[in-house]
Protein backbone atom coordinates (compact mmCIF):
# COMPACT_ATOMS: atom_id res chain seq x y z
CA MET A 1 -58.98 -23.14 -38.29
CA ARG A 2 -60.29 -22.10 -34.89
CA MET A 3 -57.56 -24.15 -33.16
CA THR A 4 -54.93 -22.45 -35.31
CA ILE A 5 -56.20 -18.96 -34.33
CA GLU A 6 -56.27 -19.88 -30.63
CA PHE A 7 -52.76 -21.31 -30.87
CA LEU A 8 -51.44 -18.13 -32.50
CA GLN A 9 -53.13 -16.01 -29.83
CA ARG A 10 -51.33 -18.01 -27.13
CA LEU A 11 -48.03 -17.43 -28.92
CA ALA A 12 -48.51 -13.66 -29.15
CA PRO A 13 -46.86 -12.78 -25.78
CA PHE A 14 -43.83 -14.88 -26.68
CA ALA A 15 -43.58 -13.19 -30.05
CA ALA A 16 -43.59 -9.79 -28.33
CA LEU A 17 -40.84 -10.96 -25.97
CA ALA A 18 -38.81 -12.19 -28.92
CA ALA A 19 -39.13 -8.79 -30.53
CA VAL A 20 -37.79 -7.15 -27.38
CA VAL A 21 -34.86 -9.57 -27.26
CA LEU A 22 -34.01 -8.79 -30.89
CA THR A 23 -34.20 -5.09 -30.18
CA LEU A 24 -31.81 -5.39 -27.21
CA GLY A 25 -29.30 -7.44 -29.12
CA GLY A 26 -30.65 -10.97 -29.16
CA CYS A 27 -30.27 -13.47 -32.00
CA GLY A 28 -29.82 -11.56 -35.24
CA GLY A 29 -29.83 -8.11 -33.53
CA GLU A 30 -27.09 -5.66 -32.66
CA PRO A 31 -25.32 -6.53 -29.36
CA ALA A 32 -25.35 -3.97 -26.57
CA ALA A 33 -22.30 -1.73 -26.73
CA PRO A 34 -19.59 -2.68 -24.22
CA LEU A 35 -18.77 -0.33 -21.38
CA ARG A 36 -15.48 1.47 -21.97
CA ILE A 37 -13.58 1.89 -18.69
CA ALA A 38 -10.36 3.88 -18.46
CA VAL A 39 -7.69 2.39 -16.19
CA ALA A 40 -4.86 4.42 -14.64
CA ALA A 41 -2.40 3.92 -11.77
CA TYR A 42 -0.55 6.59 -9.81
CA GLN A 43 0.73 5.34 -6.45
CA HIS A 44 3.26 6.62 -3.96
CA GLU A 45 3.52 6.28 -0.20
CA THR A 46 5.52 9.41 0.61
CA CYS A 47 7.72 9.83 3.68
CA THR A 48 8.00 13.62 3.76
CA PHE A 49 10.40 13.46 6.73
CA CYS A 50 12.86 11.16 4.97
CA PRO A 51 16.16 12.59 3.75
CA GLY A 52 17.34 12.70 0.16
CA GLY A 53 15.56 15.74 -1.21
CA ASP A 54 12.37 16.10 -3.22
CA THR A 55 11.29 13.43 -5.68
CA GLU A 56 11.70 14.51 -9.29
CA VAL A 57 10.54 13.10 -12.62
CA GLU A 58 13.78 11.20 -13.14
CA ASP A 59 13.28 9.41 -9.81
CA TRP A 60 10.03 7.97 -11.17
CA LEU A 61 11.67 7.01 -14.45
CA ARG A 62 14.72 5.33 -12.88
CA VAL A 63 12.77 2.13 -12.23
CA SER A 64 10.76 2.09 -15.45
CA ASP A 65 9.14 4.26 -18.04
CA PRO A 66 5.35 4.58 -17.65
CA ILE A 67 3.54 1.42 -18.68
CA SER A 68 0.31 0.89 -20.60
CA GLY A 69 -1.59 -1.79 -22.50
CA GLU A 70 -1.55 -5.32 -21.13
CA GLU A 71 1.54 -4.50 -19.08
CA LEU A 72 -0.51 -2.05 -17.02
CA LEU A 73 -3.59 -4.29 -16.89
CA SER A 74 -1.54 -7.14 -15.41
CA SER A 75 0.44 -5.02 -12.93
CA GLY A 76 -0.06 -5.02 -9.18
CA GLY A 77 -2.78 -6.67 -7.13
CA TYR A 78 -5.36 -3.88 -7.39
CA VAL A 79 -5.21 -3.57 -11.19
CA ARG A 80 -5.04 -7.32 -11.75
CA GLY A 81 -8.13 -7.78 -9.59
CA PHE A 82 -9.97 -5.06 -11.47
CA THR A 83 -8.96 -6.43 -14.87
CA THR A 84 -9.85 -10.02 -13.99
CA ARG A 85 -13.33 -9.19 -12.75
CA ALA A 86 -14.09 -6.65 -15.49
CA ARG A 87 -13.22 -9.16 -18.21
CA GLU A 88 -15.32 -11.85 -16.59
CA PHE A 89 -18.41 -9.64 -17.04
CA GLY A 90 -18.01 -9.93 -20.79
CA ASP A 91 -19.46 -6.49 -21.57
CA VAL A 92 -16.49 -4.31 -20.60
CA GLU A 93 -13.72 -2.86 -22.75
CA LEU A 94 -10.68 -1.65 -20.81
CA VAL A 95 -8.80 1.48 -21.88
CA PRO A 96 -5.36 1.49 -20.17
CA LEU A 97 -3.69 4.88 -19.80
CA SER A 98 0.09 5.22 -19.58
CA SER A 99 0.90 5.20 -15.87
CA PRO A 100 4.08 5.64 -13.79
CA VAL A 101 4.98 2.46 -11.94
CA GLY A 102 7.16 3.42 -9.01
CA VAL A 103 9.74 5.67 -7.41
CA PHE A 104 13.29 4.54 -6.83
CA GLY A 105 13.55 4.09 -3.06
CA GLY A 106 9.80 3.58 -2.68
CA SER A 107 8.28 4.85 0.55
CA SER A 108 11.62 6.16 1.81
CA ARG A 109 11.48 8.95 -0.77
CA SER A 110 10.40 12.43 0.24
CA TRP A 111 8.01 15.04 -1.19
CA ASN A 112 7.06 14.89 -4.85
CA THR A 113 7.48 18.27 -6.45
CA ARG A 114 4.34 19.80 -7.95
CA GLU A 115 6.01 19.72 -11.37
CA THR A 116 6.69 15.99 -10.99
CA PHE A 117 3.12 15.25 -9.92
CA GLU A 118 1.61 17.23 -12.77
CA HIS A 119 4.03 15.79 -15.35
CA PHE A 120 2.50 12.33 -15.10
CA LEU A 121 -1.04 13.45 -14.30
CA ASP A 122 -1.13 15.79 -17.31
CA ALA A 123 0.02 12.96 -19.57
CA MET A 124 -2.72 10.60 -18.35
CA VAL A 125 -5.43 13.23 -18.63
CA ALA A 126 -4.30 14.25 -22.14
CA GLU A 127 -4.37 10.63 -23.24
CA LEU A 128 -7.90 10.25 -21.89
CA GLU A 129 -9.04 13.44 -23.64
CA ALA A 130 -7.56 12.33 -26.96
CA GLY A 131 -9.52 9.09 -27.06
CA PRO A 132 -13.20 8.28 -27.49
CA PRO A 133 -15.49 8.91 -24.50
CA VAL A 134 -15.45 6.38 -21.67
CA ASP A 135 -18.29 5.08 -19.51
CA ALA A 136 -16.29 4.84 -16.27
CA VAL A 137 -12.85 5.48 -14.78
CA TYR A 138 -10.79 3.24 -12.49
CA LEU A 139 -7.89 4.81 -10.56
CA ALA A 140 -5.39 2.56 -8.75
CA LEU A 141 -4.06 4.94 -6.10
CA HIS A 142 -2.34 4.71 -2.73
CA GLY A 143 -3.71 7.52 -0.59
CA ALA A 144 -0.47 8.64 1.08
CA MET A 145 1.11 10.51 -1.81
CA ALA A 146 2.49 13.88 -0.70
CA VAL A 147 3.06 16.71 -3.17
CA ARG A 148 4.40 20.20 -2.61
CA GLU A 149 1.57 22.76 -2.84
CA VAL A 150 -1.07 20.05 -3.43
CA PRO A 151 -2.51 19.12 -0.02
CA ARG A 152 -4.74 16.28 -1.30
CA PRO A 153 -3.10 14.68 -4.36
CA GLU A 154 -5.51 11.77 -4.81
CA ALA A 155 -8.50 14.10 -4.65
CA GLU A 156 -6.77 16.29 -7.22
CA ILE A 157 -6.29 13.27 -9.49
CA ALA A 158 -10.01 12.47 -9.24
CA ARG A 159 -10.91 16.12 -9.87
CA ARG A 160 -8.80 16.27 -13.03
CA PHE A 161 -10.36 13.09 -14.39
CA ARG A 162 -13.83 14.37 -13.49
CA GLU A 163 -13.20 17.52 -15.56
CA VAL A 164 -12.64 15.32 -18.60
CA VAL A 165 -15.43 12.76 -18.24
CA GLY A 166 -18.16 15.02 -16.90
CA PRO A 167 -20.52 14.68 -13.94
CA ASP A 168 -22.32 11.47 -14.92
CA VAL A 169 -19.43 9.06 -15.54
CA PRO A 170 -18.64 7.01 -12.39
CA ILE A 171 -15.11 7.08 -10.97
CA ALA A 172 -13.71 4.54 -8.49
CA GLY A 173 -10.40 4.46 -6.67
CA THR A 174 -8.61 1.69 -4.81
CA PHE A 175 -6.32 2.50 -1.89
CA ASP A 176 -3.84 1.21 0.63
CA LEU A 177 -5.18 1.43 4.19
CA HIS A 178 -2.30 3.83 4.94
CA GLY A 179 -3.97 6.52 2.89
CA ASN A 180 -4.38 10.03 4.27
CA GLU A 181 -7.81 11.04 3.03
CA ASP A 182 -10.86 13.07 3.97
CA ALA A 183 -14.19 13.69 2.24
CA GLU A 184 -12.69 15.52 -0.74
CA PHE A 185 -11.86 12.46 -2.84
CA LEU A 186 -15.51 11.37 -2.78
CA GLU A 187 -16.57 14.85 -3.82
CA HIS A 188 -15.04 14.09 -7.21
CA ALA A 189 -15.32 10.29 -7.31
CA ASP A 190 -18.08 7.81 -6.55
CA PHE A 191 -16.25 4.96 -4.82
CA ALA A 192 -13.18 4.37 -2.64
CA PHE A 193 -12.15 0.80 -1.87
CA VAL A 194 -9.44 0.29 0.77
CA THR A 195 -7.52 -2.82 1.78
CA LYS A 196 -8.80 -4.31 5.02
CA ARG A 197 -5.72 -6.37 5.81
CA TYR A 198 -2.21 -5.35 6.80
CA PRO A 199 -0.15 -6.98 5.38
CA HIS A 200 -2.25 -6.26 2.31
CA TYR A 201 -3.50 -9.64 1.12
CA ASP A 202 -6.71 -8.20 -0.31
CA ALA A 203 -5.55 -5.71 -2.94
CA PHE A 204 -6.86 -8.05 -5.66
CA ILE A 205 -10.25 -8.20 -3.91
CA GLN A 206 -10.53 -4.41 -3.73
CA GLY A 207 -9.79 -4.20 -7.44
CA GLU A 208 -12.59 -6.70 -8.08
CA ARG A 209 -14.98 -4.62 -5.97
CA ALA A 210 -14.14 -1.51 -7.95
CA ALA A 211 -14.94 -3.34 -11.20
CA ARG A 212 -18.32 -4.49 -9.93
CA ALA A 213 -19.22 -1.06 -8.53
CA LEU A 214 -18.31 0.80 -11.72
CA ARG A 215 -20.27 -1.61 -13.89
CA LEU A 216 -23.37 -1.25 -11.70
CA ALA A 217 -23.09 2.53 -11.66
CA ALA A 218 -22.43 2.80 -15.39
CA ARG A 219 -25.50 0.62 -16.08
CA GLY A 220 -27.62 2.87 -13.87
CA GLU A 221 -28.09 0.22 -11.16
CA TYR A 222 -26.16 1.97 -8.37
CA ARG A 223 -26.26 5.60 -7.27
CA SER A 224 -23.35 6.03 -4.91
CA THR A 225 -24.33 7.92 -1.77
CA THR A 226 -21.48 8.50 0.64
CA ALA A 227 -20.53 9.48 4.19
CA THR A 228 -17.06 10.30 5.56
CA ARG A 229 -15.87 10.51 9.16
CA LYS A 230 -12.53 11.45 10.75
CA PRO A 231 -12.36 9.82 14.22
CA GLY A 232 -9.43 12.02 15.27
CA VAL A 233 -6.94 9.20 15.96
CA ILE A 234 -3.37 8.97 14.65
CA THR A 235 -1.30 5.79 14.90
CA ALA A 236 2.20 4.68 14.03
CA THR A 237 1.97 2.10 11.25
CA VAL A 238 3.57 -0.65 13.35
CA LEU A 239 0.46 -0.56 15.57
CA GLN A 240 -1.89 -1.14 12.64
CA TRP A 241 -1.26 -4.86 12.08
CA THR A 242 -4.66 -6.43 11.41
CA GLY A 243 -3.54 -9.70 13.01
CA GLN A 244 -4.11 -8.20 16.45
CA SER A 245 -6.90 -6.37 18.23
CA PRO A 246 -8.20 -3.72 18.06
CA SER A 247 -7.04 -3.24 14.46
CA MET A 248 -8.48 -6.66 13.64
CA ASP A 249 -11.77 -5.71 15.28
CA ILE A 250 -12.10 -2.44 13.37
CA MET A 251 -11.81 -4.16 10.01
CA GLU A 252 -14.08 -6.99 11.09
CA ARG A 253 -16.72 -4.42 12.05
CA ALA A 254 -16.49 -2.93 8.55
CA ARG A 255 -16.87 -6.39 6.98
CA ARG A 256 -19.85 -7.11 9.25
CA TRP A 257 -21.68 -4.01 8.04
CA GLU A 258 -21.00 -5.04 4.43
CA ALA A 259 -22.38 -8.50 5.10
CA ARG A 260 -25.52 -7.18 6.77
CA GLU A 261 -26.46 -4.43 4.34
CA ASP A 262 -26.89 -5.09 0.64
CA ASP A 263 -24.64 -2.96 -1.56
CA ALA A 264 -23.03 -1.13 1.35
CA TRP A 265 -19.27 -0.72 1.18
CA VAL A 266 -17.22 0.37 4.19
CA SER A 267 -13.62 1.52 3.77
CA VAL A 268 -11.27 2.39 6.62
CA PHE A 269 -8.00 4.28 6.23
CA TYR A 270 -5.63 4.04 9.18
CA GLY A 271 -3.43 6.80 7.79
CA TYR A 272 0.28 7.28 7.19
CA PRO A 273 1.84 9.54 9.84
CA TRP A 274 5.17 9.93 8.02
CA SER A 275 3.48 12.31 5.55
CA ASP A 276 3.20 15.89 6.74
CA VAL A 277 -0.20 16.50 5.16
CA PRO A 278 -3.49 17.84 6.58
CA ASP A 279 -5.44 14.57 6.53
CA VAL A 280 -3.23 12.23 8.55
CA GLY A 281 -5.06 9.88 10.89
CA ALA A 282 -7.92 7.46 10.51
CA THR A 283 -10.76 8.02 8.03
CA VAL A 284 -13.99 6.13 7.33
CA HIS A 285 -15.66 6.12 3.90
CA VAL A 286 -19.10 4.54 3.46
CA MET A 287 -20.91 4.06 0.15
CA THR A 288 -24.53 2.96 -0.23
CA ASN A 289 -26.97 2.69 -3.10
CA ASP A 290 -28.95 5.92 -2.79
CA ASP A 291 -29.42 5.60 0.98
CA GLN A 292 -27.93 8.56 2.85
CA GLU A 293 -29.49 7.59 6.19
CA LEU A 294 -27.82 4.17 6.06
CA ALA A 295 -24.48 5.66 4.97
CA ASP A 296 -24.52 8.08 7.91
CA ARG A 297 -25.56 5.39 10.38
CA ILE A 298 -22.73 3.08 9.37
CA ALA A 299 -20.18 5.90 9.30
CA ASP A 300 -21.22 7.08 12.76
CA ASP A 301 -20.96 3.57 14.16
CA MET A 302 -17.46 3.02 12.71
CA ASP A 303 -16.36 6.45 13.92
CA ASP A 304 -17.61 5.77 17.44
CA PHE A 305 -16.02 2.31 17.57
CA ILE A 306 -12.58 3.55 16.52
CA TRP A 307 -12.79 6.25 19.19
CA ARG A 308 -13.79 3.68 21.84
CA VAL A 309 -10.73 1.48 21.13
CA ARG A 310 -8.38 4.41 20.59
CA GLU A 311 -6.04 3.70 23.50
CA ARG A 312 -5.18 0.14 22.50
CA PHE A 313 -5.08 1.18 18.85
CA ALA A 314 -2.81 4.21 19.11
CA VAL A 315 -0.54 3.56 22.09
CA GLY A 316 2.13 0.88 22.20
CA GLY A 317 5.75 0.18 23.04
CA TYR A 318 8.54 -2.07 21.84
CA PRO A 319 11.97 -3.06 23.19
CA ARG A 320 15.05 -1.03 22.24
CA PRO A 321 17.96 -2.81 20.50
CA GLU A 322 19.86 -3.89 23.64
CA GLU A 323 16.74 -5.33 25.29
CA ALA A 324 15.72 -6.98 22.02
CA ALA A 325 19.15 -8.63 21.75
CA GLN A 326 18.57 -10.39 25.08
CA ILE A 327 15.06 -11.45 24.04
CA VAL A 328 16.46 -12.93 20.83
CA ALA A 329 19.37 -14.63 22.60
CA ASP A 330 16.94 -16.27 25.05
CA ALA A 331 14.71 -17.50 22.21
CA VAL A 332 17.72 -18.99 20.42
CA GLU A 333 18.82 -20.74 23.62
CA ARG A 334 15.33 -22.25 23.96
CA GLY A 335 15.46 -23.46 20.37
CA GLU A 336 12.55 -21.25 19.33
CA VAL A 337 14.13 -20.45 15.97
CA PRO A 338 14.20 -18.95 13.51
CA VAL A 339 13.58 -15.58 15.12
CA ALA A 340 12.24 -12.81 12.86
CA VAL A 341 13.13 -9.29 13.99
CA GLY A 342 11.31 -6.28 12.58
CA ASP A 343 13.44 -3.13 12.52
CA HIS A 344 10.19 -1.23 12.18
CA SER A 345 11.26 2.42 12.36
CA ASP A 346 14.12 2.58 9.86
CA ARG A 347 12.70 4.53 6.91
CA PRO A 348 15.99 5.17 5.04
CA GLY A 349 17.08 1.58 5.71
CA ASP A 350 20.61 2.50 6.82
CA ALA A 351 20.30 2.03 10.59
CA THR A 352 22.97 -0.09 12.27
CA HIS A 353 21.57 0.01 15.83
CA ILE A 354 20.30 -3.58 15.90
CA LEU A 355 23.37 -4.98 14.16
CA ASN A 356 25.60 -3.31 16.77
CA ALA A 357 23.49 -4.46 19.72
CA PHE A 358 23.22 -8.04 18.49
CA GLU A 359 26.94 -8.27 17.81
CA ALA A 360 27.69 -6.95 21.29
CA ALA A 361 25.34 -9.55 22.80
CA GLY A 362 26.95 -12.38 20.84
CA VAL A 363 23.90 -13.19 18.71
CA GLY A 364 25.19 -15.41 15.89
CA LYS A 365 23.86 -17.02 12.73
CA ALA A 366 21.96 -13.80 12.02
CA LEU A 367 20.98 -12.60 8.56
CA TYR A 368 20.55 -8.83 8.24
CA GLY A 369 18.43 -8.00 5.23
CA ALA A 370 19.13 -5.35 4.32
CA ILE A 371 21.15 -2.22 5.11
CA THR A 372 21.12 0.70 2.70
CA SER A 373 24.64 1.72 1.71
CA PRO A 374 24.93 2.98 -1.87
CA ALA A 375 28.49 4.26 -1.41
CA THR A 376 29.62 0.77 -0.42
CA LEU A 377 28.09 -0.75 -3.55
CA GLU A 378 29.71 1.91 -5.72
CA ALA A 379 33.11 1.11 -4.19
CA LEU A 380 32.60 -2.62 -4.81
CA ALA A 381 31.67 -1.95 -8.42
CA ALA A 382 34.70 0.30 -8.91
CA ALA A 383 36.95 -2.46 -7.52
CA ASP A 384 35.33 -5.07 -9.79
CA ALA A 385 34.66 -7.14 -6.67
CA GLY A 386 33.36 -10.68 -6.83
CA ARG A 387 32.33 -13.61 -4.66
CA GLY A 388 35.08 -14.80 -2.35
CA ASP A 389 36.83 -11.44 -2.14
CA PRO A 390 37.76 -10.15 1.32
CA PHE A 391 35.54 -7.35 2.58
CA ASP A 392 36.60 -4.62 5.00
CA MET A 393 34.40 -1.54 4.67
CA GLU A 394 31.89 0.62 6.51
CA ILE A 395 28.18 0.21 5.76
CA GLY A 396 25.04 2.22 6.59
CA GLY A 397 24.76 4.99 9.14
CA PHE A 398 24.72 7.89 6.70
CA THR A 399 21.56 9.60 8.02
CA PRO A 400 20.81 10.93 11.53
CA SER A 401 18.46 8.02 12.21
CA GLY A 402 20.99 5.49 10.97
CA GLY A 403 23.41 5.87 13.84
CA SER A 404 27.08 5.45 12.94
CA PRO A 405 28.53 3.58 9.98
CA ARG A 406 29.42 0.02 10.94
CA ARG A 407 32.72 -1.50 9.87
CA ILE A 408 32.27 -5.05 8.61
CA THR A 409 35.21 -7.40 8.07
CA GLY A 410 34.39 -10.59 6.26
CA THR A 411 33.94 -12.21 2.86
CA LEU A 412 31.87 -11.15 -0.10
CA GLU A 413 29.38 -13.97 -0.72
CA TYR A 414 27.34 -12.32 -3.45
CA PHE A 415 27.55 -9.26 -5.68
CA GLY A 416 25.01 -8.89 -8.44
CA ALA A 417 21.36 -8.25 -9.20
CA GLY A 418 18.80 -8.75 -6.45
CA PHE A 419 15.62 -7.37 -4.84
CA GLY A 420 14.85 -5.52 -8.07
CA TYR A 421 18.18 -3.65 -8.14
CA ASP A 422 21.03 -4.02 -10.61
CA ALA A 423 23.54 -4.52 -7.82
CA VAL A 424 23.31 -5.70 -4.20
CA ALA A 425 25.91 -7.38 -2.04
CA ALA A 426 25.97 -9.99 0.71
CA VAL A 427 28.86 -10.24 3.16
CA SER A 428 29.52 -13.03 5.67
CA PHE A 429 31.12 -11.96 8.93
CA GLY A 430 31.46 -12.74 12.62
CA ASP A 431 29.80 -15.81 14.13
CA GLY A 432 28.06 -17.15 11.01
CA ASN A 433 26.36 -13.82 10.21
CA LEU A 434 25.41 -12.37 6.84
CA VAL A 435 24.44 -8.83 5.87
CA PHE A 436 22.83 -7.75 2.61
CA ILE A 437 23.73 -4.30 1.29
CA THR A 438 21.29 -2.44 -0.99
CA PRO A 439 21.26 0.93 -2.77
CA ALA A 440 17.95 2.04 -1.20
CA TYR A 441 15.46 1.07 1.48
CA THR A 442 14.47 -2.55 0.95
CA GLN A 443 11.67 -4.42 2.71
CA VAL A 444 12.05 -8.20 2.36
CA LEU A 445 8.82 -10.05 3.08
CA TYR A 446 9.76 -13.68 2.46
CA PRO A 447 12.82 -15.65 3.59
CA GLU A 448 13.21 -17.27 0.16
CA ARG A 449 14.01 -13.87 -1.36
CA PHE A 450 17.38 -14.09 0.36
CA ARG A 451 18.21 -17.12 -1.76
CA LEU A 452 20.72 -15.40 -4.06
CA GLY A 453 23.77 -17.19 -5.46
CA SER A 454 24.81 -19.88 -2.98
CA ILE A 455 23.07 -18.25 0.00
CA GLU A 456 20.62 -20.54 1.80
CA PRO A 457 18.33 -18.65 4.20
CA ASP A 458 17.41 -21.79 6.12
CA ASP A 459 20.99 -21.85 7.46
CA TYR A 460 20.26 -18.85 9.70
CA GLU A 461 18.58 -18.69 13.09
CA VAL A 462 17.84 -14.96 13.21
CA PHE A 463 16.48 -12.67 10.49
CA VAL A 464 16.60 -8.89 10.92
CA VAL A 465 14.45 -7.12 8.33
CA LYS A 466 13.58 -3.48 7.75
CA SER A 467 9.83 -3.80 8.11
CA ARG A 468 6.96 -2.82 10.37
CA VAL A 469 4.25 -5.34 9.52
CA HIS A 470 4.68 -6.61 5.97
CA PHE A 471 7.41 -9.08 6.99
CA ARG A 472 4.75 -11.03 8.87
CA ARG A 473 3.56 -12.32 5.49
CA GLY A 474 6.50 -14.64 5.03
CA PHE A 475 7.91 -14.97 8.52
CA ASP A 476 4.93 -14.99 10.89
CA GLU A 477 1.63 -15.81 9.19
CA THR A 478 3.20 -18.71 7.28
CA GLY A 479 4.49 -20.24 10.52
CA TYR A 480 8.11 -19.98 9.33
CA ALA A 481 9.41 -18.13 12.41
CA PRO A 482 8.04 -19.22 15.81
CA THR A 483 9.45 -16.08 17.46
CA ILE A 484 8.66 -12.53 16.30
CA VAL A 485 10.32 -9.48 17.85
CA VAL A 486 9.58 -5.89 16.82
CA VAL A 487 12.28 -3.42 17.84
CA GLU A 488 12.08 0.30 18.54
CA ALA A 489 14.86 2.70 17.59
CA PRO A 490 17.09 4.10 20.38
CA GLU A 491 15.79 7.62 19.73
CA PRO A 492 12.53 9.11 18.39
CA PHE A 493 13.65 9.21 14.77
CA VAL A 494 11.37 9.22 11.73
CA GLY A 495 9.36 6.00 11.76
CA THR A 496 9.20 5.43 15.50
CA THR A 497 6.04 5.45 17.59
CA PHE A 498 7.07 8.85 18.98
CA LEU A 499 5.13 10.90 16.49
CA ASP A 500 5.27 14.00 18.65
CA ALA A 501 9.01 14.21 17.89
CA LEU A 502 8.34 14.79 14.19
CA PRO A 503 8.59 18.38 12.89
CA TYR A 504 5.07 18.59 11.47
CA GLU A 505 4.20 21.85 9.74
CA ASN A 506 0.80 20.90 8.30
CA VAL A 507 -0.51 18.79 11.18
CA ASP A 508 -1.72 19.93 14.61
CA LEU A 509 -1.16 16.92 16.86
CA SER A 510 -3.19 18.59 19.62
CA GLU A 511 -6.22 17.78 17.47
CA LEU A 512 -5.38 14.07 17.29
CA TYR A 513 -5.39 11.33 19.92
CA PRO A 514 -3.13 10.27 21.68
CA PHE A 515 -1.47 13.69 21.61
CA GLY A 516 -4.64 15.70 22.09
CA THR A 517 -8.41 15.69 21.67
CA PRO A 518 -10.13 16.59 18.40
CA ALA A 519 -12.37 19.65 18.59
CA HIS A 520 -15.53 17.73 17.70
CA ARG A 521 -15.06 15.44 20.73
CA ARG A 522 -14.45 18.10 23.37
């Protein structure tokens, strides 16, 4: 009997633990309620200097109606990363809100009207209000959206969501490193996660980070404490490639801080200078777990480092079309092919400068992908054109930065769907050349995307693409093209490195290096 009593006494602590487990949802008890996290996407990289007029609701709906449900949760790298990680936790329920998925013409489209912006934002907020309460909010944003009369659209999105969920529900956003932000977004949200690579290989990773951060905050394990700095540096996007220093070094410094300090997150925006908004230029966001001193120390260090490397980061030069033609011709003669040429400054996509210069220099076996020329496609459709038909028409050159329309005489090799459009064309001409014609600005990142109909991209020695950095994904960093040439426009049009030629109304370049010195550094 005494042994039985002693045995039961020894079991008492374990019995108490079992009772706790049952209370918290162990065997036979009620499971802990899952965290309900709202998911919404609203992304646009806006070129306010681009022609074509303001972006209206119908421009957003031309590509697709807003998406929701599993279609939203499996869309884009950021959201897919967030969804994947959140579902792996096993205690999260996702609440997708109907979200617009893209503007026809992408980043070559100009200002969103306020009515357009609020049309989709109001719908998302109303849907959130109509449902049961949520424990957290995830916003897949871009950072460089520009809206008439709304100077900081992403901050406004966060503010509107905050009004619905209240002060205690954590909000996280993911961003492209081209975002134009300041401290205001983090006044309404708790976290901002920005891609650290350009091209953006890590969108999925930033989505995963947002999922982890929101879960920790919603469970009361993370109290986001933030610091924001504006170094006062503005750069053309072509200079921001993270495959070269000092851009590479800036992002590595951010990763180093994250590796050294537990639960510290460091986000760096390089900015998008083609948006005429107040917050252009670099921005640093730091988030720590209830440690303001650490957040400020990291933010100050990142701010100082960007300022120290400002000259190499913000100043650069590239050959004009005629000089580039000779560089390409020399590379071809040496057998260093294929050559990938980045027509980095052409925002509308209609520029013919490089095509003209290369033709004049006798550069053959060149694939131009692509030149925007909607009127040409309309004429082909009206003529019921098809493969093998003779082609003798002008293409491109319909905007001031596009130069003059170029007459092409050749053969239609393809006319049909491609690059996400209902109709594109490909015309062979000259010395083994091929030009793709599209209805809007098109950035082709991989050579295999040119494989339409009977077209074989490997047959060409030179590729001319409308891209600043993203084309390096498929042409440079894969090893496909041993020679890379980035070309500057013949004049300081929209998209060039000559930012001081842009008619800014909301930006004072005298406050930004390399065109001036910010007040806080004088």
